[in-house]
PDB file of N, CA and C in Angstrom:
ATOM      1  N   MET A   1       0.846  -1.182   0.000  1.00  0.00           N
ATOM      2  CA  MET A   1       0.000   0.000   0.000  1.00  0.00           C
ATOM      3  C   MET A   1       0.889   1.242   0.000  1.00  0.00           C
ATOM      4  N   ARG A   2       0.710   2.081  -0.987  1.00  0.00           N
ATOM      5  CA  ARG A   2       1.511   3.294  -1.120  1.00  0.00           C
ATOM      6  C   ARG A   2       0.909   4.409  -0.276  1.00  0.00           C
ATOM      7  N   THR A   3       1.757   5.073   0.453  1.00  0.00           N
ATOM      8  CA  THR A   3       1.272   6.170   1.277  1.00  0.00           C
ATOM      9  C   THR A   3       1.263   7.457   0.479  1.00  0.00           C
ATOM     10  N   LYS A   4       0.488   8.393   0.929  1.00  0.00           N
ATOM     11  CA  LYS A   4       0.361   9.675   0.251  1.00  0.00           C
ATOM     12  C   LYS A   4       1.693  10.428   0.259  1.00  0.00           C
ATOM     13  N   LEU A   5       2.421  10.346   1.360  1.00  0.00           N
ATOM     14  CA  LEU A   5       3.706  11.027   1.473  1.00  0.00           C
ATOM     15  C   LEU A   5       4.711  10.457   0.469  1.00  0.00           C
ATOM     16  N   LEU A   6       4.730   9.141   0.315  1.00  0.00           N
ATOM     17  CA  LEU A   6       5.634   8.494  -0.630  1.00  0.00           C
ATOM     18  C   LEU A   6       5.309   8.910  -2.067  1.00  0.00           C
ATOM     19  N   GLU A   7       4.037   8.947  -2.410  1.00  0.00           N
ATOM     20  CA  GLU A   7       3.625   9.373  -3.747  1.00  0.00           C
ATOM     21  C   GLU A   7       3.998  10.823  -4.001  1.00  0.00           C
ATOM     22  N   GLU A   8       3.899  11.675  -2.989  1.00  0.00           N
ATOM     23  CA  GLU A   8       4.255  13.083  -3.114  1.00  0.00           C
ATOM     24  C   GLU A   8       5.736  13.262  -3.419  1.00  0.00           C
ATOM     25  N   VAL A   9       6.580  12.543  -2.687  1.00  0.00           N
ATOM     26  CA  VAL A   9       8.028  12.634  -2.882  1.00  0.00           C
ATOM     27  C   VAL A   9       8.410  12.103  -4.263  1.00  0.00           C
ATOM     28  N   GLU A  10       7.801  10.985  -4.675  1.00  0.00           N
ATOM     29  CA  GLU A  10       8.107  10.405  -5.976  1.00  0.00           C
ATOM     30  C   GLU A  10       7.669  11.324  -7.112  1.00  0.00           C
ATOM     31  N   SER A  11       6.521  11.965  -6.978  1.00  0.00           N
ATOM     32  CA  SER A  11       6.021  12.821  -8.056  1.00  0.00           C
ATOM     33  C   SER A  11       6.930  14.020  -8.310  1.00  0.00           C
ATOM     34  N   GLU A  12       7.659  14.473  -7.290  1.00  0.00           N
ATOM     35  CA  GLU A  12       8.597  15.575  -7.480  1.00  0.00           C
ATOM     36  C   GLU A  12       9.822  15.138  -8.283  1.00  0.00           C
ATOM     37  N   GLN A  13      10.181  13.857  -8.197  1.00  0.00           N
ATOM     38  CA  GLN A  13      11.396  13.368  -8.836  1.00  0.00           C
ATOM     39  C   GLN A  13      11.177  12.776 -10.219  1.00  0.00           C
ATOM     40  N   ILE A  14       9.945  12.622 -10.654  1.00  0.00           N
ATOM     41  CA  ILE A  14       9.658  12.068 -11.979  1.00  0.00           C
ATOM     42  C   ILE A  14       9.981  13.112 -13.042  1.00  0.00           C
ATOM     43  N   ARG A  15      10.716  12.692 -14.072  1.00  0.00           N
ATOM     44  CA  ARG A  15      11.096  13.606 -15.154  1.00  0.00           C
ATOM     45  C   ARG A  15       9.918  13.854 -16.078  1.00  0.00           C
ATOM     46  N   LYS A  16       9.738  15.104 -16.434  1.00  0.00           N
ATOM     47  CA  LYS A  16       8.637  15.479 -17.310  1.00  0.00           C
ATOM     48  C   LYS A  16       9.128  15.934 -18.678  1.00  0.00           C
ATOM     49  N   ASP A  17      10.456  15.899 -18.895  1.00  0.00           N
ATOM     50  CA  ASP A  17      11.025  16.370 -20.156  1.00  0.00           C
ATOM     51  C   ASP A  17      11.173  15.258 -21.195  1.00  0.00           C
ATOM     52  N   LEU A  18      10.747  14.034 -20.882  1.00  0.00           N
ATOM     53  CA  LEU A  18      10.894  12.916 -21.807  1.00  0.00           C
ATOM     54  C   LEU A  18       9.613  12.710 -22.605  1.00  0.00           C
ATOM     55  N   PRO A  19       9.725  12.273 -23.873  1.00  0.00           N
ATOM     56  CA  PRO A  19       8.522  12.026 -24.675  1.00  0.00           C
ATOM     57  C   PRO A  19       7.843  10.733 -24.253  1.00  0.00           C
ATOM     58  N   GLU A  20       6.653  10.504 -24.786  1.00  0.00           N
ATOM     59  CA  GLU A  20       5.949   9.244 -24.531  1.00  0.00           C
ATOM     60  C   GLU A  20       6.702   8.132 -25.254  1.00  0.00           C
ATOM     61  N   ILE A  21       7.004   7.058 -24.542  1.00  0.00           N
ATOM     62  CA  ILE A  21       7.757   5.944 -25.114  1.00  0.00           C
ATOM     63  C   ILE A  21       6.964   4.668 -24.903  1.00  0.00           C
ATOM     64  N   ARG A  22       6.757   3.928 -26.002  1.00  0.00           N
ATOM     65  CA  ARG A  22       6.004   2.683 -25.938  1.00  0.00           C
ATOM     66  C   ARG A  22       6.769   1.578 -26.655  1.00  0.00           C
ATOM     67  N   GLU A  23       6.293   0.355 -26.512  1.00  0.00           N
ATOM     68  CA  GLU A  23       6.897  -0.766 -27.206  1.00  0.00           C
ATOM     69  C   GLU A  23       6.731  -0.568 -28.710  1.00  0.00           C
ATOM     70  N   GLY A  24       7.769  -0.909 -29.468  1.00  0.00           N
ATOM     71  CA  GLY A  24       7.707  -0.762 -30.912  1.00  0.00           C
ATOM     72  C   GLY A  24       8.292   0.540 -31.416  1.00  0.00           C
ATOM     73  N   TYR A  25       8.610   1.476 -30.539  1.00  0.00           N
ATOM     74  CA  TYR A  25       9.214   2.740 -30.961  1.00  0.00           C
ATOM     75  C   TYR A  25      10.711   2.555 -31.148  1.00  0.00           C
ATOM     76  N   ASN A  26      11.260   3.189 -32.176  1.00  0.00           N
ATOM     77  CA  ASN A  26      12.707   3.266 -32.321  1.00  0.00           C
ATOM     78  C   ASN A  26      13.155   4.538 -31.617  1.00  0.00           C
ATOM     79  N   VAL A  27      14.128   4.431 -30.737  1.00  0.00           N
ATOM     80  CA  VAL A  27      14.552   5.573 -29.930  1.00  0.00           C
ATOM     81  C   VAL A  27      16.068   5.733 -29.965  1.00  0.00           C
ATOM     82  N   LYS A  28      16.501   6.960 -29.696  1.00  0.00           N
ATOM     83  CA  LYS A  28      17.902   7.268 -29.448  1.00  0.00           C
ATOM     84  C   LYS A  28      17.991   7.709 -27.997  1.00  0.00           C
ATOM     85  N   VAL A  29      18.720   6.939 -27.194  1.00  0.00           N
ATOM     86  CA  VAL A  29      18.882   7.260 -25.786  1.00  0.00           C
ATOM     87  C   VAL A  29      20.267   7.880 -25.609  1.00  0.00           C
ATOM     88  N   HIS A  30      20.315   9.122 -25.149  1.00  0.00           N
ATOM     89  CA  HIS A  30      21.576   9.820 -24.909  1.00  0.00           C
ATOM     90  C   HIS A  30      21.984   9.552 -23.459  1.00  0.00           C
ATOM     91  N   VAL A  31      23.061   8.764 -23.293  1.00  0.00           N
ATOM     92  CA  VAL A  31      23.488   8.312 -21.975  1.00  0.00           C
ATOM     93  C   VAL A  31      24.778   9.005 -21.583  1.00  0.00           C
ATOM     94  N   ARG A  32      24.831   9.498 -20.348  1.00  0.00           N
ATOM     95  CA  ARG A  32      26.064  10.097 -19.826  1.00  0.00           C
ATOM     96  C   ARG A  32      26.991   8.973 -19.386  1.00  0.00           C
ATOM     97  N   ILE A  33      28.235   9.000 -19.871  1.00  0.00           N
ATOM     98  CA  ILE A  33      29.230   7.996 -19.506  1.00  0.00           C
ATOM     99  C   ILE A  33      30.393   8.712 -18.853  1.00  0.00           C
ATOM    100  N   LYS A  34      30.790   8.210 -17.696  1.00  0.00           N
ATOM    101  CA  LYS A  34      31.891   8.819 -16.965  1.00  0.00           C
ATOM    102  C   LYS A  34      33.130   7.950 -17.130  1.00  0.00           C
ATOM    103  N   GLU A  35      34.213   8.544 -17.636  1.00  0.00           N
ATOM    104  CA  GLU A  35      35.478   7.841 -17.812  1.00  0.00           C
ATOM    105  C   GLU A  35      36.540   8.624 -17.059  1.00  0.00           C
ATOM    106  N   GLY A  36      36.929   8.132 -15.912  1.00  0.00           N
ATOM    107  CA  GLY A  36      37.890   8.854 -15.077  1.00  0.00           C
ATOM    108  C   GLY A  36      37.257  10.119 -14.552  1.00  0.00           C
ATOM    109  N   ASN A  37      37.856  11.265 -14.861  1.00  0.00           N
ATOM    110  CA  ASN A  37      37.271  12.539 -14.440  1.00  0.00           C
ATOM    111  C   ASN A  37      36.552  13.246 -15.578  1.00  0.00           C
ATOM    112  N   LYS A  38      36.461  12.586 -16.759  1.00  0.00           N
ATOM    113  CA  LYS A  38      35.755  13.170 -17.906  1.00  0.00           C
ATOM    114  C   LYS A  38      34.367  12.568 -18.025  1.00  0.00           C
ATOM    115  N   GLU A  39      33.483  13.321 -18.640  1.00  0.00           N
ATOM    116  CA  GLU A  39      32.125  12.842 -18.884  1.00  0.00           C
ATOM    117  C   GLU A  39      31.768  13.116 -20.331  1.00  0.00           C
ATOM    118  N   ARG A  40      31.146  12.117 -20.980  1.00  0.00           N
ATOM    119  CA  ARG A  40      30.723  12.296 -22.369  1.00  0.00           C
ATOM    120  C   ARG A  40      29.346  11.692 -22.542  1.00  0.00           C
ATOM    121  N   ILE A  41      28.728  11.989 -23.677  1.00  0.00           N
ATOM    122  CA  ILE A  41      27.396  11.452 -23.964  1.00  0.00           C
ATOM    123  C   ILE A  41      27.519  10.452 -25.103  1.00  0.00           C
ATOM    124  N   GLN A  42      26.968   9.257 -24.884  1.00  0.00           N
ATOM    125  CA  GLN A  42      26.974   8.212 -25.891  1.00  0.00           C
ATOM    126  C   GLN A  42      25.534   7.916 -26.273  1.00  0.00           C
ATOM    127  N   ILE A  43      25.287   7.719 -27.567  1.00  0.00           N
ATOM    128  CA  ILE A  43      23.929   7.476 -28.050  1.00  0.00           C
ATOM    129  C   ILE A  43      23.740   5.975 -28.269  1.00  0.00           C
ATOM    130  N   PHE A  44      22.675   5.440 -27.694  1.00  0.00           N
ATOM    131  CA  PHE A  44      22.290   4.040 -27.886  1.00  0.00           C
ATOM    132  C   PHE A  44      20.987   4.061 -28.660  1.00  0.00           C
ATOM    133  N   GLU A  45      21.015   3.603 -29.910  1.00  0.00           N
ATOM    134  CA  GLU A  45      19.841   3.672 -30.774  1.00  0.00           C
ATOM    135  C   GLU A  45      19.306   2.276 -31.038  1.00  0.00           C
ATOM    136  N   GLY A  46      18.009   2.072 -30.820  1.00  0.00           N
ATOM    137  CA  GLY A  46      17.435   0.756 -31.058  1.00  0.00           C
ATOM    138  C   GLY A  46      15.930   0.740 -30.886  1.00  0.00           C
ATOM    139  N   LEU A  47      15.379  -0.461 -30.852  1.00  0.00           N
ATOM    140  CA  LEU A  47      13.942  -0.699 -30.758  1.00  0.00           C
ATOM    141  C   LEU A  47      13.564  -0.993 -29.310  1.00  0.00           C
ATOM    142  N   VAL A  48      12.496  -0.356 -28.834  1.00  0.00           N
ATOM    143  CA  VAL A  48      11.994  -0.631 -27.488  1.00  0.00           C
ATOM    144  C   VAL A  48      11.210  -1.938 -27.558  1.00  0.00           C
ATOM    145  N   ILE A  49      11.747  -2.988 -26.906  1.00  0.00           N
ATOM    146  CA  ILE A  49      11.072  -4.287 -26.965  1.00  0.00           C
ATOM    147  C   ILE A  49      10.236  -4.552 -25.720  1.00  0.00           C
ATOM    148  N   ALA A  50      10.428  -3.766 -24.658  1.00  0.00           N
ATOM    149  CA  ALA A  50       9.635  -3.966 -23.444  1.00  0.00           C
ATOM    150  C   ALA A  50       9.670  -2.697 -22.601  1.00  0.00           C
ATOM    151  N   ALA A  51       8.613  -2.485 -21.838  1.00  0.00           N
ATOM    152  CA  ALA A  51       8.552  -1.384 -20.874  1.00  0.00           C
ATOM    153  C   ALA A  51       8.056  -1.972 -19.560  1.00  0.00           C
ATOM    154  N   TYR A  52       8.681  -1.564 -18.478  1.00  0.00           N
ATOM    155  CA  TYR A  52       8.358  -2.112 -17.160  1.00  0.00           C
ATOM    156  C   TYR A  52       8.035  -0.987 -16.190  1.00  0.00           C
ATOM    157  N   GLY A  53       7.261  -1.307 -15.170  1.00  0.00           N
ATOM    158  CA  GLY A  53       7.059  -0.415 -14.038  1.00  0.00           C
ATOM    159  C   GLY A  53       6.198   0.798 -14.340  1.00  0.00           C
ATOM    160  N   THR A  54       5.936   1.554 -13.273  1.00  0.00           N
ATOM    161  CA  THR A  54       5.165   2.786 -13.392  1.00  0.00           C
ATOM    162  C   THR A  54       5.812   3.838 -12.505  1.00  0.00           C
ATOM    163  N   GLY A  55       5.476   5.083 -12.771  1.00  0.00           N
ATOM    164  CA  GLY A  55       5.954   6.172 -11.931  1.00  0.00           C
ATOM    165  C   GLY A  55       7.459   6.301 -11.937  1.00  0.00           C
ATOM    166  N   ILE A  56       8.038   6.374 -10.767  1.00  0.00           N
ATOM    167  CA  ILE A  56       9.484   6.573 -10.634  1.00  0.00           C
ATOM    168  C   ILE A  56      10.266   5.331 -11.061  1.00  0.00           C
ATOM    169  N   ASN A  57       9.633   4.149 -11.043  1.00  0.00           N
ATOM    170  CA  ASN A  57      10.310   2.901 -11.377  1.00  0.00           C
ATOM    171  C   ASN A  57      10.197   2.514 -12.844  1.00  0.00           C
ATOM    172  N   LYS A  58       9.713   3.417 -13.704  1.00  0.00           N
ATOM    173  CA  LYS A  58       9.521   3.099 -15.115  1.00  0.00           C
ATOM    174  C   LYS A  58      10.857   2.882 -15.803  1.00  0.00           C
ATOM    175  N   SER A  59      10.946   1.810 -16.591  1.00  0.00           N
ATOM    176  CA  SER A  59      12.156   1.520 -17.341  1.00  0.00           C
ATOM    177  C   SER A  59      11.781   0.907 -18.689  1.00  0.00           C
ATOM    178  N   ILE A  60      12.720   0.992 -19.640  1.00  0.00           N
ATOM    179  CA  ILE A  60      12.507   0.427 -20.969  1.00  0.00           C
ATOM    180  C   ILE A  60      13.688  -0.472 -21.319  1.00  0.00           C
ATOM    181  N   GLN A  61      13.414  -1.471 -22.155  1.00  0.00           N
ATOM    182  CA  GLN A  61      14.460  -2.358 -22.646  1.00  0.00           C
ATOM    183  C   GLN A  61      14.618  -2.085 -24.133  1.00  0.00           C
ATOM    184  N   VAL A  62      15.825  -1.684 -24.538  1.00  0.00           N
ATOM    185  CA  VAL A  62      16.107  -1.289 -25.916  1.00  0.00           C
ATOM    186  C   VAL A  62      17.051  -2.316 -26.532  1.00  0.00           C
ATOM    187  N   ARG A  63      16.758  -2.707 -27.768  1.00  0.00           N
ATOM    188  CA  ARG A  63      17.572  -3.702 -28.476  1.00  0.00           C
ATOM    189  C   ARG A  63      18.080  -3.120 -29.787  1.00  0.00           C
ATOM    190  N   LYS A  64      19.361  -3.391 -30.079  1.00  0.00           N
ATOM    191  CA  LYS A  64      19.935  -3.011 -31.365  1.00  0.00           C
ATOM    192  C   LYS A  64      20.853  -4.126 -31.836  1.00  0.00           C
ATOM    193  N   ASP A  65      21.134  -4.140 -33.140  1.00  0.00           N
ATOM    194  CA  ASP A  65      22.106  -5.074 -33.698  1.00  0.00           C
ATOM    195  C   ASP A  65      23.388  -4.315 -33.932  1.00  0.00           C
ATOM    196  N   SER A  66      24.475  -4.789 -33.342  1.00  0.00           N
ATOM    197  CA  SER A  66      25.772  -4.162 -33.502  1.00  0.00           C
ATOM    198  C   SER A  66      26.710  -5.169 -34.166  1.00  0.00           C
ATOM    199  N   TYR A  67      26.998  -4.945 -35.432  1.00  0.00           N
ATOM    200  CA  TYR A  67      27.878  -5.834 -36.201  1.00  0.00           C
ATOM    201  C   TYR A  67      27.395  -7.286 -36.157  1.00  0.00           C
ATOM    202  N   GLY A  68      26.078  -7.461 -36.331  1.00  0.00           N
ATOM    203  CA  GLY A  68      25.516  -8.796 -36.388  1.00  0.00           C
ATOM    204  C   GLY A  68      25.233  -9.444 -35.042  1.00  0.00           C
ATOM    205  N   ILE A  69      25.534  -8.765 -33.954  1.00  0.00           N
ATOM    206  CA  ILE A  69      25.282  -9.300 -32.618  1.00  0.00           C
ATOM    207  C   ILE A  69      24.221  -8.439 -31.950  1.00  0.00           C
ATOM    208  N   GLY A  70      23.194  -9.068 -31.404  1.00  0.00           N
ATOM    209  CA  GLY A  70      22.134  -8.343 -30.723  1.00  0.00           C
ATOM    210  C   GLY A  70      22.589  -7.846 -29.360  1.00  0.00           C
ATOM    211  N   VAL A  71      22.340  -6.559 -29.106  1.00  0.00           N
ATOM    212  CA  VAL A  71      22.714  -5.947 -27.830  1.00  0.00           C
ATOM    213  C   VAL A  71      21.451  -5.365 -27.217  1.00  0.00           C
ATOM    214  N   GLU A  72      21.185  -5.717 -25.959  1.00  0.00           N
ATOM    215  CA  GLU A  72      20.015  -5.187 -25.256  1.00  0.00           C
ATOM    216  C   GLU A  72      20.482  -4.463 -24.008  1.00  0.00           C
ATOM    217  N   ARG A  73      19.763  -3.402 -23.694  1.00  0.00           N
ATOM    218  CA  ARG A  73      20.108  -2.629 -22.509  1.00  0.00           C
ATOM    219  C   ARG A  73      18.822  -2.133 -21.860  1.00  0.00           C
ATOM    220  N   ILE A  74      18.797  -2.129 -20.538  1.00  0.00           N
ATOM    221  CA  ILE A  74      17.634  -1.632 -19.796  1.00  0.00           C
ATOM    222  C   ILE A  74      17.983  -0.274 -19.221  1.00  0.00           C
ATOM    223  N   PHE A  75      17.105   0.706 -19.457  1.00  0.00           N
ATOM    224  CA  PHE A  75      17.309   2.071 -18.978  1.00  0.00           C
ATOM    225  C   PHE A  75      16.205   2.447 -18.009  1.00  0.00           C
ATOM    226  N   LYS A  76      16.588   2.984 -16.854  1.00  0.00           N
ATOM    227  CA  LYS A  76      15.620   3.581 -15.936  1.00  0.00           C
ATOM    228  C   LYS A  76      15.323   4.978 -16.473  1.00  0.00           C
ATOM    229  N   LEU A  77      14.068   5.288 -16.750  1.00  0.00           N
ATOM    230  CA  LEU A  77      13.729   6.551 -17.403  1.00  0.00           C
ATOM    231  C   LEU A  77      13.981   7.764 -16.521  1.00  0.00           C
ATOM    232  N   ASN A  78      13.893   7.620 -15.216  1.00  0.00           N
ATOM    233  CA  ASN A  78      14.078   8.764 -14.324  1.00  0.00           C
ATOM    234  C   ASN A  78      15.498   8.881 -13.811  1.00  0.00           C
ATOM    235  N   SER A  79      16.427   8.148 -14.413  1.00  0.00           N
ATOM    236  CA  SER A  79      17.816   8.171 -13.981  1.00  0.00           C
ATOM    237  C   SER A  79      18.504   9.462 -14.428  1.00  0.00           C
ATOM    238  N   PRO A  80      19.384  10.021 -13.599  1.00  0.00           N
ATOM    239  CA  PRO A  80      20.137  11.215 -14.024  1.00  0.00           C
ATOM    240  C   PRO A  80      21.192  10.894 -15.077  1.00  0.00           C
ATOM    241  N   LEU A  81      21.473   9.606 -15.325  1.00  0.00           N
ATOM    242  CA  LEU A  81      22.442   9.232 -16.353  1.00  0.00           C
ATOM    243  C   LEU A  81      21.890   9.412 -17.765  1.00  0.00           C
ATOM    244  N   ILE A  82      20.588   9.511 -17.915  1.00  0.00           N
ATOM    245  CA  ILE A  82      19.981   9.733 -19.228  1.00  0.00           C
ATOM    246  C   ILE A  82      19.828  11.233 -19.419  1.00  0.00           C
ATOM    247  N   SER A  83      20.513  11.761 -20.455  1.00  0.00           N
ATOM    248  CA  SER A  83      20.397  13.200 -20.690  1.00  0.00           C
ATOM    249  C   SER A  83      19.155  13.521 -21.520  1.00  0.00           C
ATOM    250  N   SER A  84      18.853  12.686 -22.531  1.00  0.00           N
ATOM    251  CA  SER A  84      17.626  12.896 -23.303  1.00  0.00           C
ATOM    252  C   SER A  84      17.284  11.628 -24.070  1.00  0.00           C
ATOM    253  N   ILE A  85      16.059  11.582 -24.567  1.00  0.00           N
ATOM    254  CA  ILE A  85      15.596  10.468 -25.390  1.00  0.00           C
ATOM    255  C   ILE A  85      14.854  11.058 -26.584  1.00  0.00           C
ATOM    256  N   GLU A  86      15.189  10.567 -27.798  1.00  0.00           N
ATOM    257  CA  GLU A  86      14.502  10.990 -29.011  1.00  0.00           C
ATOM    258  C   GLU A  86      13.758   9.801 -29.591  1.00  0.00           C
ATOM    259  N   VAL A  87      12.519  10.016 -30.008  1.00  0.00           N
ATOM    260  CA  VAL A  87      11.769   8.976 -30.709  1.00  0.00           C
ATOM    261  C   VAL A  87      11.996   9.211 -32.192  1.00  0.00           C
ATOM    262  N   THR A  88      12.623   8.242 -32.884  1.00  0.00           N
ATOM    263  CA  THR A  88      12.931   8.412 -34.298  1.00  0.00           C
ATOM    264  C   THR A  88      11.856   7.826 -35.201  1.00  0.00           C
ATOM    265  N   ARG A  89      11.153   6.805 -34.705  1.00  0.00           N
ATOM    266  CA  ARG A  89      10.146   6.142 -35.531  1.00  0.00           C
ATOM    267  C   ARG A  89       9.147   5.445 -34.621  1.00  0.00           C
ATOM    268  N   LYS A  90       7.876   5.452 -35.038  1.00  0.00           N
ATOM    269  CA  LYS A  90       6.834   4.760 -34.280  1.00  0.00           C
ATOM    270  C   LYS A  90       6.316   3.620 -35.143  1.00  0.00           C
ATOM    271  N   ASN A  91       6.409   2.406 -34.609  1.00  0.00           N
ATOM    272  CA  ASN A  91       5.979   1.222 -35.339  1.00  0.00           C
ATOM    273  C   ASN A  91       4.714   0.643 -34.741  1.00  0.00           C
ATOM    274  N   LYS A  92       3.903   0.023 -35.604  1.00  0.00           N
ATOM    275  CA  LYS A  92       2.665  -0.602 -35.162  1.00  0.00           C
ATOM    276  C   LYS A  92       2.973  -2.002 -34.653  1.00  0.00           C
ATOM    277  N   VAL A  93       2.654  -2.270 -33.387  1.00  0.00           N
ATOM    278  CA  VAL A  93       2.836  -3.596 -32.805  1.00  0.00           C
ATOM    279  C   VAL A  93       1.565  -3.986 -32.072  1.00  0.00           C
ATOM    280  N   ARG A  94       1.376  -5.294 -31.886  1.00  0.00           N
ATOM    281  CA  ARG A  94       0.167  -5.781 -31.238  1.00  0.00           C
ATOM    282  C   ARG A  94       0.454  -6.509 -29.944  1.00  0.00           C
ATOM    283  N   ARG A  95       1.710  -6.399 -29.456  1.00  0.00           N
ATOM    284  CA  ARG A  95       2.083  -7.063 -28.221  1.00  0.00           C
ATOM    285  C   ARG A  95       2.773  -6.089 -27.292  1.00  0.00           C
ATOM    286  N   ALA A  96       2.785  -6.415 -26.014  1.00  0.00           N
ATOM    287  CA  ALA A  96       3.448  -5.569 -25.029  1.00  0.00           C
ATOM    288  C   ALA A  96       4.928  -5.912 -24.913  1.00  0.00           C
ATOM    289  N   LYS A  97       5.297  -7.154 -25.175  1.00  0.00           N
ATOM    290  CA  LYS A  97       6.694  -7.579 -25.110  1.00  0.00           C
ATOM    291  C   LYS A  97       7.088  -8.129 -26.484  1.00  0.00           C
ATOM    292  N   LEU A  98       8.130  -7.568 -27.061  1.00  0.00           N
ATOM    293  CA  LEU A  98       8.546  -7.933 -28.417  1.00  0.00           C
ATOM    294  C   LEU A  98       9.780  -8.834 -28.400  1.00  0.00           C
ATOM    295  N   TYR A  99       9.791  -9.816 -27.512  1.00  0.00           N
ATOM    296  CA  TYR A  99      10.943 -10.695 -27.397  1.00  0.00           C
ATOM    297  C   TYR A  99      11.152 -11.537 -28.647  1.00  0.00           C
ATOM    298  N   TYR A 100      10.112 -11.732 -29.468  1.00  0.00           N
ATOM    299  CA  TYR A 100      10.246 -12.520 -30.678  1.00  0.00           C
ATOM    300  C   TYR A 100      11.175 -11.849 -31.693  1.00  0.00           C
ATOM    301  N   MET A 101      11.444 -10.565 -31.523  1.00  0.00           N
ATOM    302  CA  MET A 101      12.344  -9.853 -32.436  1.00  0.00           C
ATOM    303  C   MET A 101      13.783 -10.361 -32.306  1.00  0.00           C
ATOM    304  N   ARG A 102      14.101 -11.015 -31.202  1.00  0.00           N
ATOM    305  CA  ARG A 102      15.448 -11.554 -31.006  1.00  0.00           C
ATOM    306  C   ARG A 102      15.790 -12.625 -32.037  1.00  0.00           C
ATOM    307  N   ASP A 103      14.781 -13.355 -32.495  1.00  0.00           N
ATOM    308  CA  ASP A 103      15.004 -14.465 -33.418  1.00  0.00           C
ATOM    309  C   ASP A 103      14.917 -14.056 -34.884  1.00  0.00           C
ATOM    310  N   LEU A 104      14.508 -12.828 -35.168  1.00  0.00           N
ATOM    311  CA  LEU A 104      14.303 -12.391 -36.546  1.00  0.00           C
ATOM    312  C   LEU A 104      15.505 -11.623 -37.076  1.00  0.00           C
ATOM    313  N   GLN A 105      15.726 -11.754 -38.396  1.00  0.00           N
ATOM    314  CA  GLN A 105      16.809 -11.031 -39.059  1.00  0.00           C
ATOM    315  C   GLN A 105      16.318 -10.538 -40.408  1.00  0.00           C
ATOM    316  N   GLY A 106      16.948  -9.497 -40.910  1.00  0.00           N
ATOM    317  CA  GLY A 106      16.668  -9.024 -42.264  1.00  0.00           C
ATOM    318  C   GLY A 106      15.255  -8.528 -42.456  1.00  0.00           C
ATOM    319  N   LYS A 107      14.636  -8.968 -43.578  1.00  0.00           N
ATOM    320  CA  LYS A 107      13.305  -8.471 -43.922  1.00  0.00           C
ATOM    321  C   LYS A 107      12.234  -8.898 -42.930  1.00  0.00           C
ATOM    322  N   SER A 108      12.401 -10.051 -42.326  1.00  0.00           N
ATOM    323  CA  SER A 108      11.378 -10.536 -41.388  1.00  0.00           C
ATOM    324  C   SER A 108      11.366  -9.713 -40.097  1.00  0.00           C
ATOM    325  N   ALA A 109      12.428  -8.951 -39.849  1.00  0.00           N
ATOM    326  CA  ALA A 109      12.506  -8.146 -38.630  1.00  0.00           C
ATOM    327  C   ALA A 109      11.923  -6.758 -38.822  1.00  0.00           C
ATOM    328  N   ARG A 110      11.307  -6.507 -39.981  1.00  0.00           N
ATOM    329  CA  ARG A 110      10.723  -5.183 -40.213  1.00  0.00           C
ATOM    330  C   ARG A 110       9.374  -5.044 -39.518  1.00  0.00           C
ATOM    331  N   LEU A 111       9.074  -3.822 -39.090  1.00  0.00           N
ATOM    332  CA  LEU A 111       7.774  -3.510 -38.491  1.00  0.00           C
ATOM    333  C   LEU A 111       7.140  -2.394 -39.318  1.00  0.00           C
ATOM    334  N   LYS A 112       5.799  -2.347 -39.334  1.00  0.00           N
ATOM    335  CA  LYS A 112       5.116  -1.295 -40.081  1.00  0.00           C
ATOM    336  C   LYS A 112       5.120  -0.001 -39.314  1.00  0.00           C
ATOM    337  N   GLU A 113       5.442   1.080 -40.006  1.00  0.00           N
ATOM    338  CA  GLU A 113       5.505   2.393 -39.355  1.00  0.00           C
ATOM    339  C   GLU A 113       4.106   2.980 -39.260  1.00  0.00           C
ATOM    340  N   ILE A 114       3.862   3.690 -38.150  1.00  0.00           N
ATOM    341  CA  ILE A 114       2.593   4.378 -37.941  1.00  0.00           C
ATOM    342  C   ILE A 114       2.659   5.706 -38.689  1.00  0.00           C
ATOM    343  N   LYS A 115       1.706   5.932 -39.558  1.00  0.00           N
ATOM    344  CA  LYS A 115       1.659   7.186 -40.312  1.00  0.00           C
ATOM    345  C   LYS A 115       0.970   8.257 -39.464  1.00  0.00           C
ATOM    346  N   ASN A 116       1.529   9.460 -39.469  1.00  0.00           N
ATOM    347  CA  ASN A 116       0.922  10.563 -38.723  1.00  0.00           C
ATOM    348  C   ASN A 116      -0.283  11.085 -39.490  1.00  0.00           C
ATOM    349  N   THR A 117      -1.448  11.056 -38.866  1.00  0.00           N
ATOM    350  CA  THR A 117      -2.663  11.592 -39.461  1.00  0.00           C
ATOM    351  C   THR A 117      -3.130  12.758 -38.629  1.00  0.00           C
ATOM    352  N   LYS A 118      -2.863  13.951 -39.118  1.00  0.00           N
ATOM    353  CA  LYS A 118      -3.258  15.161 -38.382  1.00  0.00           C
ATOM    354  C   LYS A 118      -4.343  15.897 -39.093  1.00  0.00           C
TER     355      LYS A 118
END
């Protein structure tokens, strides 16, 4: 049971500068990386195959192919290590978890893009 005080503290710490992110979206996650006393931003670009949690505990799992090897990473959305997130493409999917994408390659791994109708 969540207390009102806990919800109040969490609501102050939730980031509001991030776009809506759902399964099937292609995103660029700008991650702060610390190497010694230097800090740089590295971009991790891939497909969101899963989203977990709510509120302050919200996280996404992003998958990309790097030189023929699948790489997956889980990002906490409210983490200070994430400087920004860009949505590059919105794809139409019918599932909440896209783990089946791990087994697909080439043309079979394509998803249909959602067309903007304004």
